[in-house]
Amino acid sequence: MDENSVNKIADHPIQTWAWGSFRKESGNEVLWTKWGLITLHKIPFLPFSVGVFLKGPKPTKEMLNDLKKLAQEKNLILIKLEPKYVPKSDADKNQLIRLLRNEECIPGKRLFTPTTFYIDLTKSEEELLKSFHPKTRYNIRLAQKNGVSVTEDNSEKAFQKYLELTRETVQRQGFYAHTEGYHKLMWKHLKAAGIAHLLTARHKGKIITTWVVFVWKDSLYYPYGASTEKYKNVMANNLMMWEAIKFGKSLGLKTFDLWGREEGKGFTKFKEGYNPTVVEFLGTWDLVLNKPVYWLYRMLDQIRWLILRTKSSFSKPSF
């Protein structure tokens, strides 16, 4: 498939030609199919790989049969499916689940969250502001009063600051993030394709918050952000979100996908202040081709994460 054909069917930034080029340079084998982009990931110490098919279309019997053939050709033990599809009703969801189970699919460990937040960018700025939580509106005004300004800055200097702030955020919050090399390659490919944009918040001339946002078709996405703890009281993140919304509106986009939602997380509460709509996808399904090796793989993966969590109790993750 060529670039135009791929991008025509891609309904999400991580299904685009640019994303595939990025993953290929990262070391993954990339498969272009008529259903979408699938990346292959080698299993350490085993002669097998795992296929990952994220944000693809609504599953059909034809699609699943094609994927089974592909998995056999490539010696895959599974293809992980996380469709972008949002079931229209409980009946629609139950019908799709029956199809998936009948075609040897098992609920799997998620990569993306099963739900996300959408903000309707077709509403006026006045309507949107009025819908926000009062505390959110107050913090936006406070950031403006504190002299925070938000601009798009795709320069190399601004991107280096983004990496610096990401490193600081990872060390402060202690979570496992993609490596610096991953972020550099992602930026290289998606910036060149016009998908990735860097929004920066400045206070007294210093960049204190950076967000990478993606623009694809009629939607804006917020996958990556980082900030310094030093100026947290000026509420730059609140203004950043508002300016990102206005950025999407200025491009004529219809939807702002906030890239995930997890109950009880602080950043989920932050997002809720902007009165977004909760959207639930079909979930994570493993299309299994080799059950004995699959269950061994899942056991080894659980052990790996147990080791990582134990390790994080003694030392913070690096970037």
Protein backbone atom coordinates (compact mmCIF):
# COMPACT_ATOMS: atom_id res chain seq x y z
CA MET A 1 0.00 0.00 0.00
CA ASP A 2 1.17 3.54 -0.68
CA GLU A 3 1.02 6.57 1.62
CA ASN A 4 -2.20 7.96 0.18
CA SER A 5 -4.01 4.63 0.48
CA VAL A 6 -2.88 4.18 4.08
CA ASN A 7 -3.84 7.69 5.17
CA LYS A 8 -7.21 7.46 3.46
CA ILE A 9 -8.33 4.62 5.74
CA ALA A 10 -6.44 5.82 8.85
CA ASP A 11 -8.95 7.11 11.39
CA HIS A 12 -6.37 7.85 14.09
CA PRO A 13 -2.81 9.30 14.15
CA ILE A 14 -1.29 5.95 15.10
CA GLN A 15 -2.76 4.38 11.98
CA THR A 16 -1.05 6.85 9.64
CA TRP A 17 1.84 6.36 7.25
CA ALA A 18 3.97 8.71 9.39
CA TRP A 19 3.34 6.62 12.52
CA GLY A 20 4.27 3.45 10.65
CA SER A 21 7.48 5.06 9.41
CA PHE A 22 8.29 6.09 12.98
CA ARG A 23 7.68 2.59 14.33
CA LYS A 24 9.74 1.07 11.50
CA GLU A 25 12.73 3.29 12.31
CA SER A 26 12.23 2.34 15.98
CA GLY A 27 12.94 -1.26 15.06
CA ASN A 28 9.48 -2.78 14.62
CA GLU A 29 8.38 -4.68 11.56
CA VAL A 30 5.39 -2.82 10.13
CA LEU A 31 2.57 -4.47 8.18
CA TRP A 32 0.24 -2.45 5.98
CA THR A 33 -3.07 -4.25 5.46
CA LYS A 34 -6.36 -3.19 3.92
CA TRP A 35 -7.68 -3.02 7.50
CA GLY A 36 -4.91 -0.83 8.87
CA LEU A 37 -1.41 -0.70 10.35
CA ILE A 38 -0.11 -3.60 12.45
CA THR A 39 3.23 -3.50 14.25
CA LEU A 40 5.17 -6.64 15.16
CA HIS A 41 7.06 -7.02 18.43
CA LYS A 42 9.57 -9.82 19.08
CA ILE A 43 9.15 -11.88 22.24
CA PRO A 44 12.50 -12.12 24.07
CA PHE A 45 14.03 -15.63 24.14
CA LEU A 46 11.18 -17.12 22.06
CA PRO A 47 10.93 -17.60 18.27
CA PHE A 48 7.60 -15.77 18.12
CA SER A 49 6.25 -12.25 17.77
CA VAL A 50 3.15 -10.35 18.86
CA GLY A 51 1.08 -8.26 16.48
CA VAL A 52 -0.45 -5.02 17.74
CA PHE A 53 -3.39 -3.47 15.89
CA LEU A 54 -4.44 -0.29 17.69
CA LYS A 55 -7.26 2.13 16.83
CA GLY A 56 -8.42 0.12 13.85
CA PRO A 57 -11.97 -0.26 12.50
CA LYS A 58 -14.98 -2.15 13.79
CA PRO A 59 -14.13 -5.89 13.75
CA THR A 60 -15.84 -8.09 11.18
CA LYS A 61 -15.62 -11.82 10.48
CA GLU A 62 -13.78 -11.10 7.22
CA MET A 63 -11.24 -8.90 9.01
CA LEU A 64 -10.60 -11.45 11.76
CA ASN A 65 -10.15 -14.27 9.22
CA ASP A 66 -7.65 -12.15 7.27
CA LEU A 67 -5.75 -11.39 10.48
CA LYS A 68 -5.59 -15.09 11.38
CA LYS A 69 -3.98 -15.87 8.02
CA LEU A 70 -1.52 -13.03 8.50
CA ALA A 71 -0.66 -14.24 12.01
CA GLN A 72 0.08 -17.74 10.71
CA GLU A 73 2.31 -16.38 7.95
CA LYS A 74 4.27 -14.24 10.41
CA ASN A 75 4.45 -16.81 13.25
CA LEU A 76 2.49 -14.61 15.65
CA ILE A 77 1.05 -16.02 18.86
CA LEU A 78 -1.54 -13.27 18.94
CA ILE A 79 -2.68 -10.00 17.44
CA LYS A 80 -3.77 -7.49 20.05
CA LEU A 81 -6.86 -5.56 18.95
CA GLU A 82 -7.97 -2.24 20.38
CA PRO A 83 -10.47 -0.87 17.87
CA LYS A 84 -11.36 2.80 17.86
CA TYR A 85 -14.95 1.71 17.38
CA VAL A 86 -17.51 2.96 19.93
CA PRO A 87 -20.50 0.57 20.18
CA LYS A 88 -23.78 2.28 19.37
CA SER A 89 -25.77 0.32 21.97
CA ASP A 90 -25.53 -2.57 24.41
CA ALA A 91 -26.96 -4.85 21.73
CA ASP A 92 -24.27 -3.71 19.27
CA LYS A 93 -21.55 -4.27 21.87
CA ASN A 94 -22.84 -7.73 22.84
CA GLN A 95 -23.05 -8.78 19.19
CA LEU A 96 -19.43 -7.76 18.60
CA ILE A 97 -18.25 -9.50 21.75
CA ARG A 98 -19.94 -12.72 20.59
CA LEU A 99 -18.18 -12.40 17.24
CA LEU A 100 -14.80 -11.85 18.89
CA ARG A 101 -15.19 -14.80 21.26
CA ASN A 102 -16.36 -17.08 18.44
CA GLU A 103 -13.23 -16.15 16.47
CA GLU A 104 -10.78 -17.14 19.26
CA CYS A 105 -10.43 -13.70 20.86
CA ILE A 106 -9.75 -13.36 24.60
CA PRO A 107 -9.99 -10.15 26.69
CA GLY A 108 -6.39 -8.94 26.93
CA LYS A 109 -4.17 -6.59 28.86
CA ARG A 110 -4.91 -3.07 27.67
CA LEU A 111 -2.50 -0.63 26.09
CA PHE A 112 -4.89 2.32 25.77
CA THR A 113 -7.53 3.01 28.39
CA PRO A 114 -10.95 1.55 27.47
CA THR A 115 -12.54 4.97 27.88
CA THR A 116 -11.49 8.48 26.96
CA PHE A 117 -12.81 12.03 27.02
CA TYR A 118 -14.05 13.97 24.02
CA ILE A 119 -14.57 17.74 23.90
CA ASP A 120 -16.93 19.06 21.23
CA LEU A 121 -14.96 21.72 19.33
CA THR A 122 -17.97 22.77 17.27
CA LYS A 123 -19.37 24.63 20.29
CA SER A 124 -18.61 28.33 20.67
CA GLU A 125 -15.91 29.50 23.07
CA GLU A 126 -18.63 31.05 25.21
CA GLU A 127 -20.56 27.75 25.40
CA LEU A 128 -17.44 25.81 26.27
CA LEU A 129 -16.28 28.19 28.98
CA LYS A 130 -19.72 28.25 30.53
CA SER A 131 -19.72 24.42 30.71
CA PHE A 132 -16.40 24.22 32.59
CA HIS A 133 -16.25 23.66 36.33
CA PRO A 134 -16.11 27.02 38.17
CA LYS A 135 -12.71 26.13 39.66
CA THR A 136 -11.38 25.40 36.16
CA ARG A 137 -12.57 28.78 34.88
CA TYR A 138 -11.00 30.44 37.92
CA ASN A 139 -7.65 28.73 37.29
CA ILE A 140 -7.68 29.76 33.62
CA ARG A 141 -8.18 33.40 34.66
CA LEU A 142 -5.52 33.03 37.35
CA ALA A 143 -2.97 31.77 34.80
CA GLN A 144 -3.77 34.75 32.56
CA LYS A 145 -3.47 37.11 35.52
CA ASN A 146 -0.08 35.56 36.34
CA GLY A 147 1.13 36.41 32.85
CA VAL A 148 1.19 32.89 31.43
CA SER A 149 1.10 32.81 27.63
CA VAL A 150 0.59 29.80 25.35
CA THR A 151 1.92 29.56 21.80
CA GLU A 152 2.71 26.90 19.23
CA ASP A 153 6.48 26.53 19.00
CA ASN A 154 7.81 23.68 16.86
CA SER A 155 11.43 24.82 17.07
CA GLU A 156 14.28 22.52 18.02
CA LYS A 157 14.94 24.62 21.11
CA ALA A 158 11.35 24.24 22.32
CA PHE A 159 11.42 20.50 21.66
CA GLN A 160 14.62 20.13 23.70
CA LYS A 161 12.77 21.87 26.54
CA TYR A 162 9.92 19.40 26.10
CA LEU A 163 12.40 16.53 26.56
CA GLU A 164 13.90 18.22 29.62
CA LEU A 165 10.47 18.72 31.21
CA THR A 166 9.43 15.16 30.36
CA ARG A 167 12.52 13.85 32.13
CA GLU A 168 11.69 16.01 35.17
CA THR A 169 8.06 14.85 35.17
CA VAL A 170 9.00 11.15 34.93
CA GLN A 171 11.45 11.49 37.82
CA ARG A 172 8.97 13.45 39.92
CA GLN A 173 5.96 11.22 39.37
CA GLY A 174 7.82 7.90 39.11
CA PHE A 175 5.97 6.41 36.13
CA TYR A 176 7.34 4.39 33.23
CA ALA A 177 7.40 6.49 30.05
CA HIS A 178 8.66 6.04 26.53
CA THR A 179 12.37 6.70 26.15
CA GLU A 180 13.92 9.94 24.96
CA GLY A 181 14.83 8.19 21.72
CA TYR A 182 11.20 7.21 21.20
CA HIS A 183 10.05 10.82 21.62
CA LYS A 184 12.71 12.11 19.24
CA LEU A 185 11.76 9.68 16.48
CA MET A 186 8.05 10.28 17.04
CA TRP A 187 8.58 14.04 16.72
CA LYS A 188 10.79 13.66 13.65
CA HIS A 189 8.21 11.72 11.67
CA LEU A 190 4.94 13.23 12.87
CA LYS A 191 6.15 16.83 12.77
CA ALA A 192 7.29 16.36 9.16
CA ALA A 193 3.86 14.95 8.29
CA GLY A 194 2.10 17.96 9.85
CA ILE A 195 0.48 15.77 12.51
CA ALA A 196 2.48 16.72 15.64
CA HIS A 197 2.49 20.24 17.07
CA LEU A 198 4.23 21.54 20.19
CA LEU A 199 2.32 23.93 22.45
CA THR A 200 4.38 25.80 25.03
CA ALA A 201 3.33 27.78 28.09
CA ARG A 202 5.69 30.52 29.20
CA HIS A 203 5.94 32.40 32.47
CA LYS A 204 8.34 35.34 32.76
CA GLY A 205 9.98 34.24 29.51
CA LYS A 206 10.56 30.63 30.63
CA ILE A 207 8.87 27.57 29.13
CA ILE A 208 7.23 25.83 32.09
CA THR A 209 4.74 23.50 30.38
CA THR A 210 4.85 21.71 27.02
CA TRP A 211 2.23 19.61 25.26
CA VAL A 212 2.56 17.61 22.08
CA VAL A 213 -0.79 17.50 20.29
CA PHE A 214 -1.72 15.59 17.16
CA VAL A 215 -3.96 16.86 14.37
CA TRP A 216 -5.54 14.22 12.16
CA LYS A 217 -8.53 14.67 9.88
CA ASP A 218 -11.24 16.40 11.95
CA SER A 219 -9.79 15.68 15.42
CA LEU A 220 -7.22 17.00 17.86
CA TYR A 221 -5.43 14.60 20.24
CA TYR A 222 -3.44 15.20 23.42
CA PRO A 223 -0.97 12.29 23.89
CA TYR A 224 2.03 13.83 25.68
CA GLY A 225 2.61 16.62 28.17
CA ALA A 226 5.21 17.68 30.71
CA SER A 227 5.70 20.53 33.14
CA THR A 228 7.93 21.77 35.91
CA GLU A 229 6.86 21.65 39.54
CA LYS A 230 8.54 24.98 40.23
CA TYR A 231 5.71 27.16 38.89
CA LYS A 232 2.71 24.92 39.52
CA ASN A 233 0.87 27.67 41.39
CA VAL A 234 0.55 29.86 38.28
CA MET A 235 -1.89 27.26 36.84
CA ALA A 236 -0.25 27.02 33.41
CA ASN A 237 -1.81 23.63 32.66
CA ASN A 238 -5.32 25.03 32.99
CA LEU A 239 -4.60 27.75 30.47
CA MET A 240 -2.76 25.25 28.25
CA MET A 241 -5.87 23.08 27.95
CA TRP A 242 -8.04 26.08 27.13
CA GLU A 243 -5.58 27.31 24.51
CA ALA A 244 -5.33 23.79 23.04
CA ILE A 245 -9.11 23.79 22.67
CA LYS A 246 -8.94 27.16 20.90
CA PHE A 247 -6.07 25.86 18.74
CA GLY A 248 -8.27 22.97 17.58
CA LYS A 249 -11.16 25.31 16.89
CA SER A 250 -8.92 27.63 14.86
CA LEU A 251 -8.13 24.68 12.56
CA GLY A 252 -11.81 23.89 12.09
CA LEU A 253 -11.57 20.57 13.95
CA LYS A 254 -14.65 18.94 15.44
CA THR A 255 -13.42 16.81 18.34
CA PHE A 256 -10.66 16.99 20.96
CA ASP A 257 -9.69 13.50 22.17
CA LEU A 258 -7.95 13.78 25.56
CA TRP A 259 -6.22 10.39 25.01
CA GLY A 260 -7.43 8.47 28.01
CA ARG A 261 -9.32 8.34 31.26
CA GLU A 262 -8.54 6.42 34.45
CA GLU A 263 -10.73 6.54 37.53
CA GLY A 264 -9.03 8.01 40.58
CA LYS A 265 -6.10 9.58 38.73
CA GLY A 266 -5.29 13.23 39.37
CA PHE A 267 -5.04 14.10 35.71
CA THR A 268 -8.44 12.53 35.06
CA LYS A 269 -9.91 14.91 37.61
CA PHE A 270 -8.11 17.77 35.86
CA LYS A 271 -9.67 16.78 32.52
CA GLU A 272 -13.11 16.46 34.08
CA GLY A 273 -13.01 20.18 34.86
CA TYR A 274 -13.50 20.88 31.14
CA ASN A 275 -16.84 19.02 31.05
CA PRO A 276 -15.85 16.43 28.43
CA THR A 277 -18.01 13.54 27.27
CA VAL A 278 -16.97 10.04 28.37
CA VAL A 279 -16.54 7.70 25.40
CA GLU A 280 -16.19 3.92 25.79
CA PHE A 281 -14.51 1.80 23.12
CA LEU A 282 -14.91 -1.90 22.45
CA GLY A 283 -12.00 -2.79 24.72
CA THR A 284 -8.85 -4.88 24.35
CA TRP A 285 -9.01 -8.29 22.66
CA ASP A 286 -6.25 -10.77 21.93
CA LEU A 287 -6.79 -12.75 18.73
CA VAL A 288 -4.98 -15.92 19.83
CA LEU A 289 -3.25 -18.26 17.39
CA ASN A 290 -1.12 -20.34 19.75
CA LYS A 291 -2.83 -20.85 23.11
CA PRO A 292 -0.05 -22.72 25.02
CA VAL A 293 2.57 -20.10 24.12
CA TYR A 294 0.02 -17.30 24.62
CA TRP A 295 -0.61 -18.24 28.25
CA LEU A 296 3.14 -18.62 28.84
CA TYR A 297 3.63 -15.16 27.34
CA ARG A 298 0.97 -13.65 29.62
CA MET A 299 2.55 -15.28 32.69
CA LEU A 300 6.01 -13.96 31.77
CA ASP A 301 4.55 -10.50 31.16
CA GLN A 302 2.95 -10.48 34.63
CA ILE A 303 6.29 -11.47 36.18
CA ARG A 304 8.06 -8.71 34.23
CA TRP A 305 5.67 -6.04 35.50
CA LEU A 306 5.91 -7.38 39.05
CA ILE A 307 9.70 -6.97 38.84
CA LEU A 308 9.34 -3.43 37.44
CA ARG A 309 6.91 -2.41 40.19
CA THR A 310 9.19 -3.86 42.84
CA LYS A 311 12.17 -2.09 41.29
CA SER A 312 10.29 1.23 41.25
CA SER A 313 9.87 0.97 45.03
CA PHE A 314 13.63 1.33 45.37
CA SER A 315 14.58 3.49 42.41
CA LYS A 316 12.65 5.89 40.21
CA PRO A 317 12.13 5.07 36.53
CA SER A 318 14.50 6.78 34.10
CA PHE A 319 13.75 8.59 30.85
